[in-house]
């Protein structure tokens, strides 16, 4: 006997895919940036956030 299929939590929803071995997913607006430019942007935002919290 084969086990029954589990129902989808949301009908019509695409199954979620796990991105194993990859870094965090980039927001859609940042997809056009390459990995180097994305890393530069991420570091700059991190520095801005740190200076804003120091005030």
Protein backbone atom coordinates (compact mmCIF):
# COMPACT_ATOMS: atom_id res chain seq x y z
CA UNK A 1 0.00 0.00 0.00
CA UNK A 2 1.18 3.49 -0.80
CA UNK A 3 0.80 6.30 1.72
CA UNK A 4 -1.78 8.99 1.05
CA UNK A 5 -0.57 12.34 -0.25
CA UNK A 6 -0.68 15.17 2.24
CA UNK A 7 -2.96 18.03 1.21
CA UNK A 8 -1.33 21.36 0.38
CA UNK A 9 -1.82 23.97 3.12
CA UNK A 10 -3.01 26.41 0.43
CA UNK A 11 -4.69 24.92 -2.63
CA UNK A 12 -3.02 26.08 -5.83
CA UNK A 13 0.12 27.23 -4.03
CA UNK A 14 3.45 26.24 -5.50
CA UNK A 15 5.53 23.97 -3.30
CA UNK A 16 8.30 25.74 -1.45
CA UNK A 17 11.84 25.05 -2.58
CA UNK A 18 14.74 24.97 -0.19
CA UNK A 19 17.93 26.61 -1.40
CA UNK A 20 20.50 24.40 0.25
CA UNK A 21 24.09 25.52 0.18
CA UNK A 22 23.24 29.04 -0.94
CA UNK A 23 23.29 32.31 0.93
CA UNK A 24 20.17 34.24 1.86
CA UNK A 25 17.82 35.08 -0.98
CA UNK A 26 18.07 38.62 -2.29
CA UNK A 27 15.01 40.87 -2.47
CA UNK A 28 13.48 41.06 -5.95
CA UNK A 29 14.59 44.63 -6.61
CA UNK A 30 18.20 43.64 -6.01
CA UNK A 31 18.23 40.63 -8.36
CA UNK A 32 19.85 42.66 -11.16
CA UNK A 33 22.94 43.33 -9.02
CA UNK A 34 25.80 40.91 -9.19
CA UNK A 35 27.11 39.22 -6.05
CA UNK A 36 29.95 41.76 -5.60
CA UNK A 37 27.67 44.79 -5.92
CA UNK A 38 25.10 43.18 -3.64
CA UNK A 39 27.75 42.57 -0.98
CA UNK A 40 28.90 46.21 -1.24
CA UNK A 41 25.32 47.41 -0.83
CA UNK A 42 24.73 45.08 2.12
CA UNK A 43 27.86 46.32 3.90
CA UNK A 44 27.00 49.97 3.27
CA UNK A 45 23.50 49.48 4.66
CA UNK A 46 24.94 47.68 7.68
CA UNK A 47 27.30 50.60 8.36
CA UNK A 48 24.48 53.13 7.98
CA UNK A 49 22.35 51.14 10.39
CA UNK A 50 25.20 50.96 12.93
CA UNK A 51 25.80 54.73 12.78
CA UNK A 52 22.07 55.44 13.10
CA UNK A 53 21.83 53.23 16.20
CA UNK A 54 24.85 54.96 17.77
CA UNK A 55 23.01 58.30 17.82
